[in-house]
Amino acid sequence: KAMMIMYEDAPWVPLYQPKEIMAYRDWLKGVYYNPIWGEGQMRYYDLWKADDAKDPDTLIYATYGDPESLDPAFAYDSASWGVISQIYETLLTYNKSSSTEVVPLLAESYNVSEDGKVWTFKLRKGITFHNGNPLTADDVVYSIERVIKMNQDPAWMLADFVEKVEKVDDYTVKIYLKEPY
């Protein structure tokens, strides 16, 4: 009961930024830490086996809980994001060798207005969903607006910053921010 009172009533002041240390076996090649997913989540398709792997068909991954949801508009726990990061793609991702440089992923290219408030994304053509439907600007607009309208725990990450999102053409999306970010 005392912990709940402290949790609900005490002010929280972060005093540090945690540093993640990740260790791998020498036979595990092609792993990079992608800070967009946080807390050590890795994408399994970024792994490949080395020729001299001692046990090349086994990767043991320990986690700390079961996912609460696989819906990115609802999920706000680390276990869920560990699975979600294996299923969904993002417009941009971090460069494999840098945690400060972003590169296009679902986007073919992007640019940012001089004032930093309008982000324009050109989507890659030929990307399809599991059912064969192509990825279009309508899907990006829908996804962002859905998160904001559902107003679940992760919604603040968009709602606090996004003024509006609009389709320019089938493969171009503009995201208008409330302020440069």
C-alpha atoms as a PDB file:
ATOM      1  CA  LYS A   1       0.000   0.000   0.000  1.00  0.00           C
ATOM      2  CA  ALA A   2       2.865   2.371   0.829  1.00  0.00           C
ATOM      3  CA  MET A   3       4.416   1.731  -2.597  1.00  0.00           C
ATOM      4  CA  MET A   4       1.139   2.641  -4.310  1.00  0.00           C
ATOM      5  CA  ILE A   5       0.862   5.881  -2.317  1.00  0.00           C
ATOM      6  CA  MET A   6       4.426   6.787  -3.275  1.00  0.00           C
ATOM      7  CA  TYR A   7       3.788   5.841  -6.906  1.00  0.00           C
ATOM      8  CA  GLU A   8       0.597   7.881  -7.170  1.00  0.00           C
ATOM      9  CA  ASP A   9       1.474  10.905  -5.026  1.00  0.00           C
ATOM     10  CA  ALA A  10       5.236  11.420  -4.957  1.00  0.00           C
ATOM     11  CA  PRO A  11       6.838  13.652  -7.581  1.00  0.00           C
ATOM     12  CA  TRP A  12       9.260  11.828  -9.865  1.00  0.00           C
ATOM     13  CA  VAL A  13      12.452  13.485 -11.009  1.00  0.00           C
ATOM     14  CA  PRO A  14      14.625  11.408 -13.363  1.00  0.00           C
ATOM     15  CA  LEU A  15      18.193  11.564 -12.117  1.00  0.00           C
ATOM     16  CA  TYR A  16      19.880   9.506 -14.811  1.00  0.00           C
ATOM     17  CA  GLN A  17      19.547   8.071 -18.285  1.00  0.00           C
ATOM     18  CA  PRO A  18      19.993   4.297 -18.224  1.00  0.00           C
ATOM     19  CA  LYS A  19      22.730   2.840 -20.393  1.00  0.00           C
ATOM     20  CA  GLU A  20      22.053  -0.463 -22.084  1.00  0.00           C
ATOM     21  CA  ILE A  21      24.797  -3.059 -22.236  1.00  0.00           C
ATOM     22  CA  MET A  22      24.220  -5.888 -24.658  1.00  0.00           C
ATOM     23  CA  ALA A  23      26.403  -8.969 -24.919  1.00  0.00           C
ATOM     24  CA  TYR A  24      26.399 -11.593 -27.655  1.00  0.00           C
ATOM     25  CA  ARG A  25      28.157 -14.821 -28.470  1.00  0.00           C
ATOM     26  CA  ASP A  26      30.963 -14.541 -31.017  1.00  0.00           C
ATOM     27  CA  TRP A  27      28.967 -16.590 -33.549  1.00  0.00           C
ATOM     28  CA  LEU A  28      26.065 -14.137 -33.581  1.00  0.00           C
ATOM     29  CA  LYS A  29      26.648 -11.765 -36.483  1.00  0.00           C
ATOM     30  CA  GLY A  30      24.691  -8.848 -37.908  1.00  0.00           C
ATOM     31  CA  VAL A  31      23.170  -7.611 -34.673  1.00  0.00           C
ATOM     32  CA  TYR A  32      22.699  -3.932 -34.095  1.00  0.00           C
ATOM     33  CA  TYR A  33      20.893  -2.086 -31.386  1.00  0.00           C
ATOM     34  CA  ASN A  34      18.073  -0.010 -32.769  1.00  0.00           C
ATOM     35  CA  PRO A  35      17.202   2.663 -30.184  1.00  0.00           C
ATOM     36  CA  ILE A  36      13.784   3.318 -31.739  1.00  0.00           C
ATOM     37  CA  TRP A  37      12.512   0.135 -30.062  1.00  0.00           C
ATOM     38  CA  GLY A  38      14.342   0.679 -26.783  1.00  0.00           C
ATOM     39  CA  GLU A  39      15.063  -1.648 -23.909  1.00  0.00           C
ATOM     40  CA  GLY A  40      17.244  -3.991 -25.916  1.00  0.00           C
ATOM     41  CA  GLN A  41      14.656  -5.123 -28.422  1.00  0.00           C
ATOM     42  CA  MET A  42      16.227  -6.515 -31.532  1.00  0.00           C
ATOM     43  CA  ARG A  43      14.687  -7.487 -34.812  1.00  0.00           C
ATOM     44  CA  TYR A  44      15.319 -11.141 -35.455  1.00  0.00           C
ATOM     45  CA  TYR A  45      15.569 -10.714 -39.201  1.00  0.00           C
ATOM     46  CA  ASP A  46      18.632  -8.533 -38.618  1.00  0.00           C
ATOM     47  CA  LEU A  47      20.471 -11.599 -37.344  1.00  0.00           C
ATOM     48  CA  TRP A  48      22.319 -14.102 -39.464  1.00  0.00           C
ATOM     49  CA  LYS A  49      24.435 -17.126 -38.664  1.00  0.00           C
ATOM     50  CA  ALA A  50      28.196 -17.120 -38.911  1.00  0.00           C
ATOM     51  CA  ASP A  51      29.805 -19.977 -40.847  1.00  0.00           C
ATOM     52  CA  ASP A  52      31.584 -21.166 -37.706  1.00  0.00           C
ATOM     53  CA  ALA A  53      28.520 -21.040 -35.435  1.00  0.00           C
ATOM     54  CA  LYS A  54      28.802 -23.588 -32.629  1.00  0.00           C
ATOM     55  CA  ASP A  55      25.019 -24.126 -32.445  1.00  0.00           C
ATOM     56  CA  PRO A  56      23.688 -22.372 -35.550  1.00  0.00           C
ATOM     57  CA  ASP A  57      20.039 -23.352 -35.199  1.00  0.00           C
ATOM     58  CA  THR A  58      19.471 -22.038 -31.681  1.00  0.00           C
ATOM     59  CA  LEU A  59      18.934 -18.494 -30.449  1.00  0.00           C
ATOM     60  CA  ILE A  60      17.774 -18.158 -26.872  1.00  0.00           C
ATOM     61  CA  TYR A  61      16.026 -14.906 -26.091  1.00  0.00           C
ATOM     62  CA  ALA A  62      14.906 -14.158 -22.548  1.00  0.00           C
ATOM     63  CA  THR A  63      12.117 -11.725 -21.878  1.00  0.00           C
ATOM     64  CA  TYR A  64      10.364 -10.515 -18.778  1.00  0.00           C
ATOM     65  CA  GLY A  65       6.691 -10.957 -19.464  1.00  0.00           C
ATOM     66  CA  ASP A  66       3.925 -11.736 -21.881  1.00  0.00           C
ATOM     67  CA  PRO A  67       2.701  -9.133 -24.366  1.00  0.00           C
ATOM     68  CA  GLU A  68      -0.455  -7.331 -23.309  1.00  0.00           C
ATOM     69  CA  SER A  69      -1.380  -6.426 -26.892  1.00  0.00           C
ATOM     70  CA  LEU A  70      -0.034  -6.594 -30.433  1.00  0.00           C
ATOM     71  CA  ASP A  71      -1.871  -3.434 -31.421  1.00  0.00           C
ATOM     72  CA  PRO A  72       0.636  -0.553 -31.512  1.00  0.00           C
ATOM     73  CA  ALA A  73      -2.182   1.911 -30.814  1.00  0.00           C
ATOM     74  CA  PHE A  74      -2.827   0.171 -27.497  1.00  0.00           C
ATOM     75  CA  ALA A  75       0.420  -1.530 -26.407  1.00  0.00           C
ATOM     76  CA  TYR A  76       2.542   0.381 -23.940  1.00  0.00           C
ATOM     77  CA  ASP A  77       4.581  -2.345 -22.270  1.00  0.00           C
ATOM     78  CA  SER A  78       8.040  -3.608 -23.139  1.00  0.00           C
ATOM     79  CA  ALA A  79       6.985  -7.220 -23.711  1.00  0.00           C
ATOM     80  CA  SER A  80       4.414  -6.135 -26.299  1.00  0.00           C
ATOM     81  CA  TRP A  81       6.901  -3.899 -28.084  1.00  0.00           C
ATOM     82  CA  GLY A  82       9.395  -6.753 -28.174  1.00  0.00           C
ATOM     83  CA  VAL A  83       6.950  -8.655 -30.363  1.00  0.00           C
ATOM     84  CA  ILE A  84       5.527  -5.651 -32.218  1.00  0.00           C
ATOM     85  CA  SER A  85       9.016  -4.676 -33.344  1.00  0.00           C
ATOM     86  CA  GLN A  86       9.192  -8.005 -35.173  1.00  0.00           C
ATOM     87  CA  ILE A  87       5.884  -7.481 -36.977  1.00  0.00           C
ATOM     88  CA  TYR A  88       5.535  -3.825 -37.966  1.00  0.00           C
ATOM     89  CA  GLU A  89       7.801  -1.454 -39.878  1.00  0.00           C
ATOM     90  CA  THR A  90       8.262   2.289 -39.468  1.00  0.00           C
ATOM     91  CA  LEU A  91       8.663   5.125 -41.973  1.00  0.00           C
ATOM     92  CA  LEU A  92      12.187   5.753 -40.690  1.00  0.00           C
ATOM     93  CA  THR A  93      14.656   3.766 -38.646  1.00  0.00           C
ATOM     94  CA  TYR A  94      18.049   4.414 -37.150  1.00  0.00           C
ATOM     95  CA  ASN A  95      21.161   3.843 -39.189  1.00  0.00           C
ATOM     96  CA  LYS A  96      22.691   0.542 -38.101  1.00  0.00           C
ATOM     97  CA  SER A  97      25.914   2.200 -37.018  1.00  0.00           C
ATOM     98  CA  SER A  98      24.468   5.327 -35.416  1.00  0.00           C
ATOM     99  CA  SER A  99      21.845   6.178 -32.850  1.00  0.00           C
ATOM    100  CA  THR A 100      21.627   9.774 -34.090  1.00  0.00           C
ATOM    101  CA  GLU A 101      21.088   9.285 -37.832  1.00  0.00           C
ATOM    102  CA  VAL A 102      17.739   8.178 -39.227  1.00  0.00           C
ATOM    103  CA  VAL A 103      17.308   6.560 -42.618  1.00  0.00           C
ATOM    104  CA  PRO A 104      14.215   5.717 -44.675  1.00  0.00           C
ATOM    105  CA  LEU A 105      12.611   2.307 -44.163  1.00  0.00           C
ATOM    106  CA  LEU A 106       9.004   2.235 -45.435  1.00  0.00           C
ATOM    107  CA  ALA A 107       9.685   5.690 -46.793  1.00  0.00           C
ATOM    108  CA  GLU A 108      11.773   5.948 -49.932  1.00  0.00           C
ATOM    109  CA  SER A 109      12.802   9.451 -48.966  1.00  0.00           C
ATOM    110  CA  TYR A 110      11.732  12.297 -46.734  1.00  0.00           C
ATOM    111  CA  ASN A 111      12.336  15.973 -46.195  1.00  0.00           C
ATOM    112  CA  VAL A 112      11.672  18.431 -43.431  1.00  0.00           C
ATOM    113  CA  SER A 113      10.527  22.013 -43.971  1.00  0.00           C
ATOM    114  CA  GLU A 114      12.843  24.860 -43.013  1.00  0.00           C
ATOM    115  CA  ASP A 115      10.788  25.598 -39.913  1.00  0.00           C
ATOM    116  CA  GLY A 116      10.931  21.913 -38.880  1.00  0.00           C
ATOM    117  CA  LYS A 117       7.153  21.613 -38.690  1.00  0.00           C
ATOM    118  CA  VAL A 118       6.282  19.764 -41.921  1.00  0.00           C
ATOM    119  CA  TRP A 119       7.660  16.323 -42.668  1.00  0.00           C
ATOM    120  CA  THR A 120       7.031  14.928 -46.152  1.00  0.00           C
ATOM    121  CA  PHE A 121       7.466  11.202 -46.760  1.00  0.00           C
ATOM    122  CA  LYS A 122       7.621   9.514 -50.157  1.00  0.00           C
ATOM    123  CA  LEU A 123       6.636   5.881 -49.628  1.00  0.00           C
ATOM    124  CA  ARG A 124       8.402   2.970 -51.275  1.00  0.00           C
ATOM    125  CA  LYS A 125       6.370   1.295 -53.966  1.00  0.00           C
ATOM    126  CA  GLY A 126       5.994  -2.466 -53.992  1.00  0.00           C
ATOM    127  CA  ILE A 127       5.544  -2.882 -50.231  1.00  0.00           C
ATOM    128  CA  THR A 128       2.600  -5.099 -49.415  1.00  0.00           C
ATOM    129  CA  PHE A 129       0.690  -6.161 -46.352  1.00  0.00           C
ATOM    130  CA  HIS A 130       0.356  -9.855 -45.473  1.00  0.00           C
ATOM    131  CA  ASN A 131      -2.893  -9.983 -47.450  1.00  0.00           C
ATOM    132  CA  GLY A 132      -1.242  -8.629 -50.620  1.00  0.00           C
ATOM    133  CA  ASN A 133      -2.657  -5.097 -50.444  1.00  0.00           C
ATOM    134  CA  PRO A 134      -0.108  -2.403 -51.297  1.00  0.00           C
ATOM    135  CA  LEU A 135       1.056   0.112 -48.685  1.00  0.00           C
ATOM    136  CA  THR A 136      -0.271   3.561 -49.608  1.00  0.00           C
ATOM    137  CA  ALA A 137      -0.471   7.029 -48.129  1.00  0.00           C
ATOM    138  CA  ASP A 138      -4.024   6.234 -46.976  1.00  0.00           C
ATOM    139  CA  ASP A 139      -2.604   3.533 -44.682  1.00  0.00           C
ATOM    140  CA  VAL A 140      -0.125   5.924 -43.086  1.00  0.00           C
ATOM    141  CA  VAL A 141      -2.790   8.603 -42.539  1.00  0.00           C
ATOM    142  CA  TYR A 142      -5.192   6.024 -41.103  1.00  0.00           C
ATOM    143  CA  SER A 143      -2.568   4.559 -38.764  1.00  0.00           C
ATOM    144  CA  ILE A 144      -1.547   7.906 -37.271  1.00  0.00           C
ATOM    145  CA  GLU A 145      -5.113   9.200 -36.958  1.00  0.00           C
ATOM    146  CA  ARG A 146      -6.254   5.901 -35.411  1.00  0.00           C
ATOM    147  CA  VAL A 147      -3.663   6.103 -32.621  1.00  0.00           C
ATOM    148  CA  ILE A 148      -4.682   9.672 -31.810  1.00  0.00           C
ATOM    149  CA  LYS A 149      -8.452   8.925 -31.911  1.00  0.00           C
ATOM    150  CA  MET A 150      -8.147   5.785 -29.769  1.00  0.00           C
ATOM    151  CA  ASN A 151      -6.353   7.888 -27.133  1.00  0.00           C
ATOM    152  CA  GLN A 152      -4.748   4.915 -25.414  1.00  0.00           C
ATOM    153  CA  ASP A 153      -1.481   5.073 -23.444  1.00  0.00           C
ATOM    154  CA  PRO A 154       0.890   5.450 -26.449  1.00  0.00           C
ATOM    155  CA  ALA A 155      -1.298   8.148 -28.078  1.00  0.00           C
ATOM    156  CA  TRP A 156       0.597  11.028 -26.451  1.00  0.00           C
ATOM    157  CA  MET A 157       3.620  10.217 -28.622  1.00  0.00           C
ATOM    158  CA  LEU A 158       1.633  11.451 -31.603  1.00  0.00           C
ATOM    159  CA  ALA A 159      -1.155  13.579 -30.141  1.00  0.00           C
ATOM    160  CA  ASP A 160       1.227  15.885 -28.291  1.00  0.00           C
ATOM    161  CA  PHE A 161       3.197  16.662 -31.458  1.00  0.00           C
ATOM    162  CA  VAL A 162       1.078  16.056 -34.580  1.00  0.00           C
ATOM    163  CA  GLU A 163      -1.211  18.867 -35.745  1.00  0.00           C
ATOM    164  CA  LYS A 164      -2.528  16.913 -38.744  1.00  0.00           C
ATOM    165  CA  VAL A 165      -1.515  14.312 -41.293  1.00  0.00           C
ATOM    166  CA  GLU A 166      -2.539  14.401 -44.934  1.00  0.00           C
ATOM    167  CA  LYS A 167      -2.273  12.364 -48.088  1.00  0.00           C
ATOM    168  CA  VAL A 168      -0.641  14.286 -50.943  1.00  0.00           C
ATOM    169  CA  ASP A 169      -0.897  11.437 -53.469  1.00  0.00           C
ATOM    170  CA  ASP A 170      -0.973   7.631 -53.273  1.00  0.00           C
ATOM    171  CA  TYR A 171       2.664   7.477 -52.177  1.00  0.00           C
ATOM    172  CA  THR A 172       3.250  10.816 -50.436  1.00  0.00           C
ATOM    173  CA  VAL A 173       2.263  11.846 -46.905  1.00  0.00           C
ATOM    174  CA  LYS A 174       2.737  15.135 -45.057  1.00  0.00           C
ATOM    175  CA  ILE A 175       2.805  15.280 -41.298  1.00  0.00           C
ATOM    176  CA  TYR A 176       2.306  18.734 -39.800  1.00  0.00           C
ATOM    177  CA  LEU A 177       3.722  19.181 -36.312  1.00  0.00           C
ATOM    178  CA  LYS A 178       2.534  21.620 -33.661  1.00  0.00           C
ATOM    179  CA  GLU A 179       6.127  22.751 -33.201  1.00  0.00           C
ATOM    180  CA  PRO A 180       9.510  21.653 -34.545  1.00  0.00           C
ATOM    181  CA  TYR A 181      10.517  18.295 -33.108  1.00  0.00           C
END
